[in-house]
Amino acid sequence: MTQRWKITIEYDGGDFAGWQRQDNAPTVQQAIEDAIFSFCGESVNMHVAGRTDAGVHAVGQVAHFDLARQSDAKTVRDAINFHLRPATICIVRAEPVAESFHARMSALRRIYCYKMISGRRADSIIDRNRVWNTGWDLDIDAMNKAARHLIGTHDFSSFRAAECQAKSPVKSIDRLECIENKTTIGFGRQIELWAEARSFLHHQIRNIAGTLELVGKGKWSPDHVKTVLEAKSRAAAGPMAPACGLYFVRVDYPDSALLQGVDSLL
């Protein structure tokens, strides 16, 4: 009898060629699967809530896998972390879940944050490879006016990567909002673009961030983003923002998908 485990993962994507296992490059999936094998001798195939590209970070990524070995949550978490060292990956939480739980298919909502530095010409040393230093003083109000055109259900072909494998370009965005994080230390202002939806197209958030940056620095009006959306052409939108500013923040699930009847020991 196997036990299904849900793990919540934090990682610095700058050290990896993305989530998905590859033949000739280090990936997050490979590192964790290898750590699990070192822990219990079982080869697992993890399923993830959302595959991230090279350079993209996560503070609340979710994956699941099945283990025949009987163990408690604390042991699963700590043993995987022990064998992950010194990789820049941490299992924040391990939880036993029902067999019906699926990290990707059971998800109700995925939350991402894209971080930009506004009003700083010099490179950011402390936040290097963790934010996009735009070099411009961005107008947050204009960016939010533009973002409102993208909230709701639309054909997002203008913000879709050419290699996107989704069957349809139609997606529903529940929240798309720029806020200033006033708790950051250093020169320049940190602007965070928060995006929430059940699912996203490949590169959709980074392409939206690149488009809103053009609005923020005054090259496009907020209403031009409506024109971009209606064009249904990737060529109409702005450039793709760098991977380093994107964070996979959280996944929400229905309580019924998580129900196991066993308390996890954290």
C-alpha atoms as a PDB file:
ATOM      1  CA  MET A   1       0.000   0.000   0.000  1.00  0.00           C
ATOM      2  CA  THR A   2       1.330   3.410  -0.945  1.00  0.00           C
ATOM      3  CA  GLN A   3       0.820   6.809   0.651  1.00  0.00           C
ATOM      4  CA  ARG A   4       0.379   9.929  -1.469  1.00  0.00           C
ATOM      5  CA  TRP A   5       2.425  12.899  -0.258  1.00  0.00           C
ATOM      6  CA  LYS A   6       1.876  16.581  -1.001  1.00  0.00           C
ATOM      7  CA  ILE A   7       4.993  18.716  -0.632  1.00  0.00           C
ATOM      8  CA  THR A   8       5.282  22.504  -0.622  1.00  0.00           C
ATOM      9  CA  ILE A   9       8.565  23.651  -2.139  1.00  0.00           C
ATOM     10  CA  GLU A  10      10.728  26.766  -2.118  1.00  0.00           C
ATOM     11  CA  TYR A  11      13.563  27.194  -4.592  1.00  0.00           C
ATOM     12  CA  ASP A  12      15.894  29.679  -6.230  1.00  0.00           C
ATOM     13  CA  GLY A  13      15.347  29.085  -9.930  1.00  0.00           C
ATOM     14  CA  GLY A  14      18.599  30.746 -10.924  1.00  0.00           C
ATOM     15  CA  ASP A  15      20.486  27.496 -10.348  1.00  0.00           C
ATOM     16  CA  PHE A  16      18.224  25.344 -12.506  1.00  0.00           C
ATOM     17  CA  ALA A  17      17.080  24.864 -16.094  1.00  0.00           C
ATOM     18  CA  GLY A  18      13.481  24.955 -14.909  1.00  0.00           C
ATOM     19  CA  TRP A  19      11.282  22.436 -13.119  1.00  0.00           C
ATOM     20  CA  GLN A  20      10.989  19.584 -15.592  1.00  0.00           C
ATOM     21  CA  ARG A  21      13.634  16.862 -15.718  1.00  0.00           C
ATOM     22  CA  GLN A  22      16.045  17.177 -18.658  1.00  0.00           C
ATOM     23  CA  ASP A  23      18.802  14.956 -19.999  1.00  0.00           C
ATOM     24  CA  ASN A  24      21.713  17.387 -19.825  1.00  0.00           C
ATOM     25  CA  ALA A  25      20.814  20.147 -17.362  1.00  0.00           C
ATOM     26  CA  PRO A  26      20.047  20.378 -13.623  1.00  0.00           C
ATOM     27  CA  THR A  27      16.361  20.751 -12.811  1.00  0.00           C
ATOM     28  CA  VAL A  28      14.276  21.072  -9.657  1.00  0.00           C
ATOM     29  CA  GLN A  29      12.328  17.886 -10.392  1.00  0.00           C
ATOM     30  CA  GLN A  30      15.466  15.817 -10.806  1.00  0.00           C
ATOM     31  CA  ALA A  31      17.036  17.162  -7.618  1.00  0.00           C
ATOM     32  CA  ILE A  32      13.988  16.326  -5.489  1.00  0.00           C
ATOM     33  CA  GLU A  33      13.375  12.919  -7.073  1.00  0.00           C
ATOM     34  CA  ASP A  34      17.028  12.012  -6.535  1.00  0.00           C
ATOM     35  CA  ALA A  35      16.792  13.161  -2.899  1.00  0.00           C
ATOM     36  CA  ILE A  36      13.712  10.973  -2.368  1.00  0.00           C
ATOM     37  CA  PHE A  37      15.565   7.972  -3.809  1.00  0.00           C
ATOM     38  CA  SER A  38      18.508   8.643  -1.507  1.00  0.00           C
ATOM     39  CA  PHE A  39      16.105   8.826   1.431  1.00  0.00           C
ATOM     40  CA  CYS A  40      14.124   5.625   0.855  1.00  0.00           C
ATOM     41  CA  GLY A  41      15.401   3.849  -2.266  1.00  0.00           C
ATOM     42  CA  GLU A  42      12.172   4.463  -4.206  1.00  0.00           C
ATOM     43  CA  SER A  43      12.065   5.962  -7.694  1.00  0.00           C
ATOM     44  CA  VAL A  44       9.130   8.344  -7.893  1.00  0.00           C
ATOM     45  CA  ASN A  45       7.599  10.423 -10.658  1.00  0.00           C
ATOM     46  CA  MET A  46       6.452  13.714  -9.187  1.00  0.00           C
ATOM     47  CA  HIS A  47       3.505  15.696 -10.502  1.00  0.00           C
ATOM     48  CA  VAL A  48       3.709  19.459 -10.050  1.00  0.00           C
ATOM     49  CA  ALA A  49       1.121  22.236  -9.819  1.00  0.00           C
ATOM     50  CA  GLY A  50       2.885  24.374 -12.402  1.00  0.00           C
ATOM     51  CA  ARG A  51       6.111  23.809 -14.307  1.00  0.00           C
ATOM     52  CA  THR A  52       8.434  26.803 -14.037  1.00  0.00           C
ATOM     53  CA  ASP A  53      11.026  27.912 -16.594  1.00  0.00           C
ATOM     54  CA  ALA A  54      14.747  28.377 -16.054  1.00  0.00           C
ATOM     55  CA  GLY A  55      15.387  31.239 -13.641  1.00  0.00           C
ATOM     56  CA  VAL A  56      11.852  31.368 -12.210  1.00  0.00           C
ATOM     57  CA  HIS A  57      11.627  31.101  -8.409  1.00  0.00           C
ATOM     58  CA  ALA A  58       9.081  29.534  -6.074  1.00  0.00           C
ATOM     59  CA  VAL A  59       8.071  30.089  -2.476  1.00  0.00           C
ATOM     60  CA  GLY A  60       4.990  27.851  -2.517  1.00  0.00           C
ATOM     61  CA  GLN A  61       5.273  25.382  -5.376  1.00  0.00           C
ATOM     62  CA  VAL A  62       3.323  22.149  -4.841  1.00  0.00           C
ATOM     63  CA  ALA A  63       4.009  18.617  -6.036  1.00  0.00           C
ATOM     64  CA  HIS A  64       2.836  15.129  -5.145  1.00  0.00           C
ATOM     65  CA  PHE A  65       4.266  11.627  -5.281  1.00  0.00           C
ATOM     66  CA  ASP A  66       3.480   8.161  -3.896  1.00  0.00           C
ATOM     67  CA  LEU A  67       5.684   6.226  -1.458  1.00  0.00           C
ATOM     68  CA  ALA A  68       5.430   2.600  -0.364  1.00  0.00           C
ATOM     69  CA  ARG A  69       7.551   3.328   2.706  1.00  0.00           C
ATOM     70  CA  GLN A  70       5.473   4.212   5.733  1.00  0.00           C
ATOM     71  CA  SER A  71       6.665   7.392   7.406  1.00  0.00           C
ATOM     72  CA  ASP A  72       5.470  10.552   9.127  1.00  0.00           C
ATOM     73  CA  ALA A  73       5.393  14.037   7.643  1.00  0.00           C
ATOM     74  CA  LYS A  74       8.314  15.390   9.663  1.00  0.00           C
ATOM     75  CA  THR A  75      10.567  12.542   8.569  1.00  0.00           C
ATOM     76  CA  VAL A  76       9.590  12.892   4.906  1.00  0.00           C
ATOM     77  CA  ARG A  77      10.235  16.630   4.945  1.00  0.00           C
ATOM     78  CA  ASP A  78      13.505  16.527   6.872  1.00  0.00           C
ATOM     79  CA  ALA A  79      14.956  13.498   5.085  1.00  0.00           C
ATOM     80  CA  ILE A  80      14.370  14.996   1.638  1.00  0.00           C
ATOM     81  CA  ASN A  81      15.891  18.296   2.758  1.00  0.00           C
ATOM     82  CA  PHE A  82      18.932  16.472   4.133  1.00  0.00           C
ATOM     83  CA  HIS A  83      19.585  14.802   0.794  1.00  0.00           C
ATOM     84  CA  LEU A  84      18.878  17.996  -1.179  1.00  0.00           C
ATOM     85  CA  ARG A  85      21.800  19.875   0.367  1.00  0.00           C
ATOM     86  CA  PRO A  86      23.498  21.982  -0.909  1.00  0.00           C
ATOM     87  CA  ALA A  87      20.929  22.582  -3.678  1.00  0.00           C
ATOM     88  CA  THR A  88      18.963  25.833  -3.377  1.00  0.00           C
ATOM     89  CA  ILE A  89      15.718  23.917  -2.786  1.00  0.00           C
ATOM     90  CA  CYS A  90      13.791  23.421   0.442  1.00  0.00           C
ATOM     91  CA  ILE A  91      10.761  21.279   1.235  1.00  0.00           C
ATOM     92  CA  VAL A  92       8.779  23.628   3.449  1.00  0.00           C
ATOM     93  CA  ARG A  93       6.023  21.162   4.311  1.00  0.00           C
ATOM     94  CA  ALA A  94       5.106  17.515   3.692  1.00  0.00           C
ATOM     95  CA  GLU A  95       1.517  16.324   4.131  1.00  0.00           C
ATOM     96  CA  PRO A  96      -0.216  12.957   3.609  1.00  0.00           C
ATOM     97  CA  VAL A  97      -3.188  13.419   1.299  1.00  0.00           C
ATOM     98  CA  ALA A  98      -5.941  11.361  -0.265  1.00  0.00           C
ATOM     99  CA  GLU A  99      -5.166   9.227  -3.319  1.00  0.00           C
ATOM    100  CA  SER A 100      -7.525  11.419  -5.311  1.00  0.00           C
ATOM    101  CA  PHE A 101      -5.348  14.501  -4.743  1.00  0.00           C
ATOM    102  CA  HIS A 102      -3.414  15.709  -7.790  1.00  0.00           C
ATOM    103  CA  ALA A 103      -1.051  18.683  -7.522  1.00  0.00           C
ATOM    104  CA  ARG A 104      -2.042  20.004 -10.951  1.00  0.00           C
ATOM    105  CA  MET A 105      -5.548  18.736 -11.633  1.00  0.00           C
ATOM    106  CA  SER A 106      -6.961  19.455  -8.149  1.00  0.00           C
ATOM    107  CA  ALA A 107      -5.824  23.091  -8.096  1.00  0.00           C
ATOM    108  CA  LEU A 108      -8.466  25.788  -7.787  1.00  0.00           C
ATOM    109  CA  ARG A 109      -6.149  28.764  -8.145  1.00  0.00           C
ATOM    110  CA  ARG A 110      -2.496  29.562  -8.780  1.00  0.00           C
ATOM    111  CA  ILE A 111      -0.915  32.772  -7.491  1.00  0.00           C
ATOM    112  CA  TYR A 112       2.197  34.343  -8.990  1.00  0.00           C
ATOM    113  CA  CYS A 113       4.115  37.521  -8.208  1.00  0.00           C
ATOM    114  CA  TYR A 114       6.377  39.366 -10.640  1.00  0.00           C
ATOM    115  CA  LYS A 115       8.863  41.768  -9.017  1.00  0.00           C
ATOM    116  CA  MET A 116      10.305  44.872 -10.686  1.00  0.00           C
ATOM    117  CA  ILE A 117      12.573  47.654  -9.466  1.00  0.00           C
ATOM    118  CA  SER A 118      11.414  51.141 -10.479  1.00  0.00           C
ATOM    119  CA  GLY A 119      13.481  54.311 -10.555  1.00  0.00           C
ATOM    120  CA  ARG A 120      16.948  52.807 -10.206  1.00  0.00           C
ATOM    121  CA  ARG A 121      19.460  53.041 -13.051  1.00  0.00           C
ATOM    122  CA  ALA A 122      22.273  51.153 -11.332  1.00  0.00           C
ATOM    123  CA  ASP A 123      22.074  47.371 -11.087  1.00  0.00           C
ATOM    124  CA  SER A 124      20.680  45.899  -7.881  1.00  0.00           C
ATOM    125  CA  ILE A 125      23.379  43.789  -6.209  1.00  0.00           C
ATOM    126  CA  ILE A 126      21.379  42.443  -3.259  1.00  0.00           C
ATOM    127  CA  ASP A 127      18.436  41.489  -5.452  1.00  0.00           C
ATOM    128  CA  ARG A 128      20.473  40.362  -8.452  1.00  0.00           C
ATOM    129  CA  ASN A 129      18.680  37.544 -10.316  1.00  0.00           C
ATOM    130  CA  ARG A 130      15.644  38.008  -8.041  1.00  0.00           C
ATOM    131  CA  VAL A 131      13.973  41.100  -9.524  1.00  0.00           C
ATOM    132  CA  TRP A 132      13.787  42.850 -12.883  1.00  0.00           C
ATOM    133  CA  ASN A 133      15.579  46.167 -12.597  1.00  0.00           C
ATOM    134  CA  THR A 134      13.722  48.104 -15.292  1.00  0.00           C
ATOM    135  CA  GLY A 135      15.882  51.223 -15.036  1.00  0.00           C
ATOM    136  CA  TRP A 136      12.779  53.422 -15.294  1.00  0.00           C
ATOM    137  CA  ASP A 137      10.479  55.220 -12.871  1.00  0.00           C
ATOM    138  CA  LEU A 138       7.248  53.339 -13.496  1.00  0.00           C
ATOM    139  CA  ASP A 139       3.737  54.768 -13.160  1.00  0.00           C
ATOM    140  CA  ILE A 140       1.858  52.219 -11.039  1.00  0.00           C
ATOM    141  CA  ASP A 141      -1.532  53.871 -11.570  1.00  0.00           C
ATOM    142  CA  ALA A 142      -1.159  53.645 -15.357  1.00  0.00           C
ATOM    143  CA  MET A 143      -0.055  50.011 -15.097  1.00  0.00           C
ATOM    144  CA  ASN A 144      -3.118  49.145 -13.024  1.00  0.00           C
ATOM    145  CA  LYS A 145      -5.442  50.890 -15.479  1.00  0.00           C
ATOM    146  CA  ALA A 146      -3.896  48.788 -18.228  1.00  0.00           C
ATOM    147  CA  ALA A 147      -4.085  45.599 -16.158  1.00  0.00           C
ATOM    148  CA  ARG A 148      -7.840  46.001 -15.713  1.00  0.00           C
ATOM    149  CA  HIS A 149      -8.303  45.338 -19.424  1.00  0.00           C
ATOM    150  CA  LEU A 150      -6.860  41.850 -18.879  1.00  0.00           C
ATOM    151  CA  ILE A 151      -8.965  40.783 -15.889  1.00  0.00           C
ATOM    152  CA  GLY A 152     -11.719  38.321 -16.720  1.00  0.00           C
ATOM    153  CA  THR A 153     -12.080  35.722 -19.465  1.00  0.00           C
ATOM    154  CA  HIS A 154     -10.291  36.528 -22.728  1.00  0.00           C
ATOM    155  CA  ASP A 155      -8.410  35.064 -25.655  1.00  0.00           C
ATOM    156  CA  PHE A 156      -4.821  35.690 -24.510  1.00  0.00           C
ATOM    157  CA  SER A 157      -3.116  34.787 -27.797  1.00  0.00           C
ATOM    158  CA  SER A 158      -1.206  38.101 -27.642  1.00  0.00           C
ATOM    159  CA  PHE A 159       0.456  36.968 -24.408  1.00  0.00           C
ATOM    160  CA  ARG A 160       1.025  33.322 -25.300  1.00  0.00           C
ATOM    161  CA  ALA A 161       4.393  31.728 -26.045  1.00  0.00           C
ATOM    162  CA  ALA A 162       4.769  30.186 -29.499  1.00  0.00           C
ATOM    163  CA  GLU A 163       5.618  26.824 -27.895  1.00  0.00           C
ATOM    164  CA  CYS A 164       2.619  26.886 -25.537  1.00  0.00           C
ATOM    165  CA  GLN A 165       0.917  23.472 -25.465  1.00  0.00           C
ATOM    166  CA  ALA A 166      -2.436  24.609 -24.042  1.00  0.00           C
ATOM    167  CA  LYS A 167      -5.414  23.493 -26.143  1.00  0.00           C
ATOM    168  CA  SER A 168      -6.997  26.941 -26.015  1.00  0.00           C
ATOM    169  CA  PRO A 169      -5.686  30.515 -25.585  1.00  0.00           C
ATOM    170  CA  VAL A 170      -8.785  31.411 -23.559  1.00  0.00           C
ATOM    171  CA  LYS A 171      -8.060  31.914 -19.856  1.00  0.00           C
ATOM    172  CA  SER A 172      -9.726  33.674 -16.932  1.00  0.00           C
ATOM    173  CA  ILE A 173      -7.640  36.006 -14.757  1.00  0.00           C
ATOM    174  CA  ASP A 174      -9.189  36.704 -11.350  1.00  0.00           C
ATOM    175  CA  ARG A 175      -6.647  39.244 -10.127  1.00  0.00           C
ATOM    176  CA  LEU A 176      -3.996  41.311 -11.897  1.00  0.00           C
ATOM    177  CA  GLU A 177      -2.710  44.168  -9.765  1.00  0.00           C
ATOM    178  CA  CYS A 178       0.474  46.194  -9.303  1.00  0.00           C
ATOM    179  CA  ILE A 179       1.371  47.286  -5.789  1.00  0.00           C
ATOM    180  CA  GLU A 180       4.414  48.962  -4.283  1.00  0.00           C
ATOM    181  CA  ASN A 181       6.234  46.931  -1.649  1.00  0.00           C
ATOM    182  CA  LYS A 182       7.316  49.654   0.779  1.00  0.00           C
ATOM    183  CA  THR A 183       9.075  47.228   3.130  1.00  0.00           C
ATOM    184  CA  THR A 184      12.030  46.643   0.795  1.00  0.00           C
ATOM    185  CA  ILE A 185      15.447  48.065   1.631  1.00  0.00           C
ATOM    186  CA  GLY A 186      17.665  49.870  -0.864  1.00  0.00           C
ATOM    187  CA  PHE A 187      17.422  52.359  -3.705  1.00  0.00           C
ATOM    188  CA  GLY A 188      14.502  52.362  -6.088  1.00  0.00           C
ATOM    189  CA  ARG A 189      10.934  51.209  -5.519  1.00  0.00           C
ATOM    190  CA  GLN A 190       9.899  47.568  -5.742  1.00  0.00           C
ATOM    191  CA  ILE A 191       6.722  47.038  -7.712  1.00  0.00           C
ATOM    192  CA  GLU A 192       4.962  43.688  -7.474  1.00  0.00           C
ATOM    193  CA  LEU A 193       2.580  42.445 -10.137  1.00  0.00           C
ATOM    194  CA  TRP A 194       0.197  39.924  -8.557  1.00  0.00           C
ATOM    195  CA  ALA A 195      -1.641  37.494 -10.827  1.00  0.00           C
ATOM    196  CA  GLU A 196      -4.244  34.929  -9.789  1.00  0.00           C
ATOM    197  CA  ALA A 197      -6.050  32.430 -12.004  1.00  0.00           C
ATOM    198  CA  ARG A 198      -6.925  28.762 -12.154  1.00  0.00           C
ATOM    199  CA  SER A 199      -4.242  28.332 -14.811  1.00  0.00           C
ATOM    200  CA  PHE A 200      -2.015  30.366 -17.102  1.00  0.00           C
ATOM    201  CA  LEU A 201      -0.603  30.019 -20.592  1.00  0.00           C
ATOM    202  CA  HIS A 202       3.116  29.435 -21.110  1.00  0.00           C
ATOM    203  CA  HIS A 203       4.956  32.747 -20.537  1.00  0.00           C
ATOM    204  CA  GLN A 204       1.634  34.568 -20.071  1.00  0.00           C
ATOM    205  CA  ILE A 205       2.618  36.418 -16.896  1.00  0.00           C
ATOM    206  CA  ARG A 206       6.073  37.383 -18.163  1.00  0.00           C
ATOM    207  CA  ASN A 207       4.581  38.663 -21.422  1.00  0.00           C
ATOM    208  CA  ILE A 208       1.978  40.660 -19.489  1.00  0.00           C
ATOM    209  CA  ALA A 209       4.712  42.078 -17.225  1.00  0.00           C
ATOM    210  CA  GLY A 210       6.738  43.169 -20.261  1.00  0.00           C
ATOM    211  CA  THR A 211       3.675  44.869 -21.722  1.00  0.00           C
ATOM    212  CA  LEU A 212       2.720  46.643 -18.490  1.00  0.00           C
ATOM    213  CA  GLU A 213       6.310  47.876 -18.140  1.00  0.00           C
ATOM    214  CA  LEU A 214       5.902  49.725 -21.457  1.00  0.00           C
ATOM    215  CA  VAL A 215       2.780  51.370 -20.034  1.00  0.00           C
ATOM    216  CA  GLY A 216       4.545  52.179 -16.771  1.00  0.00           C
ATOM    217  CA  LYS A 217       7.339  54.065 -18.490  1.00  0.00           C
ATOM    218  CA  GLY A 218       4.923  55.970 -20.740  1.00  0.00           C
ATOM    219  CA  LYS A 219       5.604  54.339 -24.094  1.00  0.00           C
ATOM    220  CA  TRP A 220       2.051  52.991 -24.322  1.00  0.00           C
ATOM    221  CA  SER A 221      -1.211  54.297 -22.926  1.00  0.00           C
ATOM    222  CA  PRO A 222      -3.219  52.063 -20.590  1.00  0.00           C
ATOM    223  CA  ASP A 223      -5.972  51.709 -23.203  1.00  0.00           C
ATOM    224  CA  HIS A 224      -3.466  50.451 -25.775  1.00  0.00           C
ATOM    225  CA  VAL A 225      -3.349  47.180 -23.838  1.00  0.00           C
ATOM    226  CA  LYS A 226      -6.978  46.580 -24.845  1.00  0.00           C
ATOM    227  CA  THR A 227      -5.867  46.925 -28.467  1.00  0.00           C
ATOM    228  CA  VAL A 228      -3.033  44.473 -27.827  1.00  0.00           C
ATOM    229  CA  LEU A 229      -5.438  41.956 -26.303  1.00  0.00           C
ATOM    230  CA  GLU A 230      -7.910  42.246 -29.184  1.00  0.00           C
ATOM    231  CA  ALA A 231      -5.138  41.772 -31.769  1.00  0.00           C
ATOM    232  CA  LYS A 232      -4.744  38.124 -30.675  1.00  0.00           C
ATOM    233  CA  SER A 233      -1.168  38.227 -31.924  1.00  0.00           C
ATOM    234  CA  ARG A 234       2.021  37.817 -29.893  1.00  0.00           C
ATOM    235  CA  ALA A 235       3.672  40.444 -32.122  1.00  0.00           C
ATOM    236  CA  ALA A 236       1.261  43.083 -30.815  1.00  0.00           C
ATOM    237  CA  ALA A 237       2.342  42.788 -27.166  1.00  0.00           C
ATOM    238  CA  GLY A 238       5.457  43.954 -25.376  1.00  0.00           C
ATOM    239  CA  PRO A 239       8.653  41.935 -24.887  1.00  0.00           C
ATOM    240  CA  MET A 240       8.785  39.033 -22.458  1.00  0.00           C
ATOM    241  CA  ALA A 241      10.030  40.134 -19.030  1.00  0.00           C
ATOM    242  CA  PRO A 242      13.085  38.340 -17.599  1.00  0.00           C
ATOM    243  CA  ALA A 243      12.535  35.089 -15.718  1.00  0.00           C
ATOM    244  CA  CYS A 244      14.355  36.331 -12.608  1.00  0.00           C
ATOM    245  CA  GLY A 245      11.432  38.491 -11.453  1.00  0.00           C
ATOM    246  CA  LEU A 246       8.795  35.752 -11.463  1.00  0.00           C
ATOM    247  CA  TYR A 247       7.780  33.829  -8.325  1.00  0.00           C
ATOM    248  CA  PHE A 248       5.345  30.926  -7.992  1.00  0.00           C
ATOM    249  CA  VAL A 249       3.710  31.936  -4.708  1.00  0.00           C
ATOM    250  CA  ARG A 250       0.849  29.610  -3.817  1.00  0.00           C
ATOM    251  CA  VAL A 251      -1.687  27.042  -4.972  1.00  0.00           C
ATOM    252  CA  ASP A 252      -5.199  26.810  -3.500  1.00  0.00           C
ATOM    253  CA  TYR A 253      -7.045  23.484  -3.285  1.00  0.00           C
ATOM    254  CA  PRO A 254     -10.510  22.446  -2.122  1.00  0.00           C
ATOM    255  CA  ASP A 255     -10.535  20.880   1.336  1.00  0.00           C
ATOM    256  CA  SER A 256     -11.999  17.682  -0.088  1.00  0.00           C
ATOM    257  CA  ALA A 257      -8.924  17.126  -2.255  1.00  0.00           C
ATOM    258  CA  LEU A 258      -6.629  17.248   0.783  1.00  0.00           C
ATOM    259  CA  LEU A 259      -8.706  15.146   3.163  1.00  0.00           C
ATOM    260  CA  GLN A 260      -6.636  12.262   4.497  1.00  0.00           C
ATOM    261  CA  GLY A 261      -7.706  11.656   8.079  1.00  0.00           C
ATOM    262  CA  VAL A 262      -4.101  11.630   9.313  1.00  0.00           C
ATOM    263  CA  ASP A 263      -2.577  14.642  11.024  1.00  0.00           C
ATOM    264  CA  SER A 264       0.756  15.677   9.500  1.00  0.00           C
ATOM    265  CA  LEU A 265       3.561  16.130  12.005  1.00  0.00           C
ATOM    266  CA  LEU A 266       5.352  19.362  11.195  1.00  0.00           C
END
